[in-house]
Each structure stands twice: as structure tokens, then as C-alpha cells.
Amino acid sequence: MKDGANRSPGAGAGAAAKPAGAKGRPPAARRREGFAPIEPVPGRDWWRGAVIYEVYLRSFRDASGDGIGDLRGVLEKIDHLVALGVDAVWLSPFFKSPQKDFGYDVSDFRIVDPIAGSMEDFLALRDAVQGEGMRLLLDFVPAHTSDQHPWFEESRANPDGPKGDWYVWADKAEDGGPPNNWLSSFGGSAWSWDPRRGQYYFHPFLECQPALNLHEEAVLDHLVAEMRWWLEHGVDGFRLDAVQCLGHDPALRDNPARASHEAPVLVGGGPGNPFRDQIHMFDRDAEGTRDALERFRALADEFDAVLIGELADVHTNDVAEDFTRKGERLHAVYDFDLINSEPEVETVTALLERRAERLPTGWRMNVFTNHDSRRSVSNLTGFVPDELRPQAARMLLFLQLGLRGGAAIYQGEELGLPHPELTWEQLQDPWAKAFWPDFEGRDGARTLFPWTGEPPHGGFTEAGSAWIHLPEAHLPLNAADQARHPDSVLSFARAFIRWRREHEILRLGEERMVRHDPAPLIKWRRLWRGQEWLLAVNFSDDRAFLPMEENWSALPAPGCVQETTDHGLAMPPLSFAILSTGEPTPGREKGGAQGRSGGARSPARREPGVS
């Protein structure tokens, strides 16, 4: 197939195609059994409090029969997304790529890689997603490209040419080594020698992913043009990969060593990753980062598009507010702090409290796992026995959806999939291979989505083999079976996400953590336009008790504890609840909660269960 075959009609001339499924298109008229089409949240701030579903394309559904997931496969399974009631779909990269990092090494931003399908497949999926009332976000990689991108090939071949400074090149040190001590978060030096140019080039991740030099205005211009091209083809925004890597110190100064008393950055790669031993002052969140974000935001505002940034390798609580400065930079960020934290009540509560304090005006997407990390039910609630794992999965979904901000739910979390243990022979991830056995890598979260219980591929593909395996333990948790059972994790996810859509207090309200004798309960308040709710989860496999004052009542939200005693709520292991004063809730669905009597709450009144 020629590259041009996967470009949109008119793309070669720079024409802006008018997407049939562009913003404002009403939801499809057809009604599926058991649930209604999604009514999109109106306005340009739809992303505040939105639930976004991340599709890792390679593992979602293979429609072409080659054993690798593709765009047409997502289209085939769009009913699953609509049934969940999510606001938007985020697609992992499907641009032309050598696939050394499975799409995050882009060699052409405007070509659909044949592995993922064609431009026609993308346009059909765009129309379907937006036609069902959801938004469509693309995963865009602005900080680096593949070493097979024509930009890099030209920069390497012609140092004095127009693209000679498009990447971060540096002469060797006096001893022949790299120009400084910067480390790749994937292991070893962040510099690789290129004999053709006779210089080192910088790569924060894999050697095949050279960093773009965003200090060059021409580089920013071209990145903005690539993003514009997709916005003109009707996408609603981008998840921006690794935004902490957009800048670098032009003087290439050494990073200082981390002192023993200083807390390391929470990163992957296992406890022995040398990346933890530096303070990444000059190669992460460095000069040029904010200039790039402001250029991207100016473009997004032209289209009322949204930018959500992945923020890692730094102390994210310290910088998230600056990255989401209102109207200037990102709309929202997400980080790995909860993913990488110790799964203890006090640790999680303290982390959530710091987030609330240090992000007073910015916005965050709550992420408990994604394609780069362990699945949450194993990572955050690995202490529970197998028979309680479904309830643990429901509790984590409630926690994720009940916190301030939006939520990005990774495929398979709605099924409560546990994280599999992989052997060396099953690994595909180059990061895992570099750090094995200290670090298991990212493959465990990328195994095939189980649509049915039929082995060996669970309905993912009709091919005899797939690019990665499906764990046997995931087959009984398949989507088809869970959809038939009202008590399944999937049925809870569908019900609670849709219930949450009707309550602005959960989508938009303020958040205040409750720190009084929390264990084993994690408690927080949500406040919105005079309404106040208290949310609580029992983050343990023991029973707990939540005291409740006379004027508070338990809301009959999906999956929540509702039976009260004269003094409060008995909280079974891994259970959760929402308490309210019984005041009218803006946006409450018809026939909503009717609690015990209670008028407007006095500001001086104590919270239930807090002395």
C-alpha cells in the first residue's frame, strides 16, 4: 500500500475535510436494549468531570484478522462504549510507525499505519463515535518521533540544512562519552552516538525515539500543523504524551544527584531504576515546556478542542497547577502518583489531600491505571482474596469516579481484570526486557480484551495467533458474560457512570478530604452550589462503621451501601457509600434519593462521623 492511500482525500493539498461527524452532531436515533443513547454534555467545558475511555488499539479488537487490534475493531464494538455511558473515547496512536514502541514512535503523523487500518476506517469510526454523542480524542506524541521519521533522517544527514537543529544534538565530551549525565527513564544514558552525523542525540525514552528540539520555532510550527490537520478532520482534542519532556536545558547542564533525604520521583522501572537517583532539573519540566504548551493551547482554542497532558517523571503535585494555568496551557493533566503510591489508607488519603491543596484552580483526570502500568485491582487492592476481587474493582471505580476531576478509565477496568504474571518468553515491551526481572514492564496491562469466554483469544480475533496473549484467568471475566449479570463489575460500571452523569456535584463540585481517624475508611466531601455530599470507601477487607448524624441520609446510588442503623452505616469489606443532607441536587435524575428529613446544612455543623 502506498503511504498516500492512508491519507484523507485532499490531504496532500492541505485541504480541510469537513467531517460528517463533527461537533454538535446529535446522538444516533437508534436505541439499544437496556440503555439509551448518550446525550452529550453541552458547551466547550464538557471535559470538566468527563469520563474518558482509553482504547489501547492493538489489544481491543482485531477486525482484519491479522492478530492486531485496529480501528475497524473499535467500530465493531462501539456498542460497548455507548453502554458504558462515557463522554469521550481516547485512541492510542495509530499513525505510521515502525512499532518499536507500539505506536509511540511515530514516523508520519498524517498517515494511518496499515496495521491499524485506513483513513476511511478512521473517518467511519469518527462519525460513529460522535454520532453516538461521544467525543473523540487522539493520542499525540509531541516530544519525540521515530528515528525513521523523515525529519530525523534529514536532520541526521544534513547538520547545516533547514532541519539540522530540529532534534537535540550535542558533541561528545572530552573523554568521548555523552555530553552530560541525563538518563533515559527506560534505562541507561539518554544519549546515543550517531556515526553518520558524528554527534550524540538525546532520547528521554528508547534509543529509537529522538527528542524534538522545541526551542526551534519551526519545530513548533510543524507540530501545530500536524495537530491542526487532525482537528480539521473533526477530532475533539488530544491526549498529549509525556508533556514533561517538551523542553530541555539549552546549556545541557548535568542534573544534580538526589540527596538521600530527598524523596525520589515516583516512576516505573522497578526500585533499582537509576533514573530515581537524579533531580531531573534540566531534562524534565525544563525551559521551553510552557512555551510549547501555550502554542498548543492557542491552536486548541481555535477549535474548542481539549488538551489533556500525561505528566510523569516529576513531582506532579508541585507542577500540575502551573501546567493547567487557566486558559493558557493544558485543560487538564493526569499523573501516576496514585498508581505508584503505597496502597494504604493513610498514604492514599494524604496524597489525595495534597492534590486538592496544590491544584486549587487547575483540573485533573483521575487515572488508576493505563497502558503503562499495573491493573488497579491488583496494584491498589492486591491485599484482598480472590473472592473479593470483584467488589474491590467496584470500590476502585467508585473512588475514581467520585473524586474531583474527570476520570480516564482504561479498557478492561470495567471488567475488573486482575494483572497477569508474565514469563520472559511472553514479553513484548522493550522497557520490560531492559529491566527484567526487577521490573515486569507494561505488557500485563496490554493483554487482549476478553469479549467472550471462548479460548484462546476470547473473541478478540479470528486469527490463529495474536500479537500478545490473553491470560487464562481473564476468560471467565469476559464482557459478554458480565453484561448478562446485574451484579457484575461491568453492570456496576455502566450503572454508576450513567448515574454520575446526572449529578453535577460529582462532575464539577469542590473536594475536601476528611482526615479524622480515617482507617480503614477513606472519606471526602463534594460541594456544589449549596449541596454537600460525603463519600466514603472501606479500603480494607474488614468490616467498618460510618457514623451518621440525624439529618444525613444514604443516597441510593448504584452499588452503594444504603441500609442505615440508628447511628450510621455498617460498611462491609470494600464497600462504599454517599451521604447527603437531603437537599435538592442540581441535575438529580427524576426519582432520585429521598433521605431522612433535614434542611440546609449550617456551615458550623460537624460532618457525619467526625468529632
Foldseek 3Di string as FASTA:
>chain_A
DDQVQQFDVPVVVVDQDAAPLFPPAAADPDQDPPDGFAAADDDLVSQQAFEEEEDAQQFEFPPPFPQGGALVRCVVVVVLVRLLRGAAYEYEAQAADPCLVHRLAHQDLRGGHVSRPGNVSVSVSSNNQSNSNHAYAYADEQFWHFCNHPLNVVLLQCCPDPSVQQFAWDAADPVRHAPEQDPALLGDRQWDADVSNRTIFGHNHDPRIGTTALVDVVSLVVSLSSVVSVVSNRHQYYEYEQLQQNHFAPVPYYFAFDDPPDAFFQDALFPPRCLRGTQPAGRTNHPPSQVSQQSNLVSSVVRSHAYEYEYGSHPCLQCQQVQFPDSGGHQEYEYCDLLRWALAQVRVLVVLQSSQVSNVPHAYAQENDELWGFQNLCRNVVVDDPVCQQLLLLLVLCVNLQDGHYYYHYPPSLLSDHFDDDDPVQDDRPSCVSRPPSHNTRVSSSHHAQQALDPDRNNRRPHPHHPGGHDNVCSVSHPVVQVVDCPGSNNLSSQQSVQSVQFVQSSHFRKDWDDAPAVQKTWMWTDDDQWIKIKIWRSFQAKDWWFFDDQKAWWPGRQAFHDADPTGTTHHHGHMTMITSQDDTHRRDPPTGHGPHHDRDDPPDDGGRHD
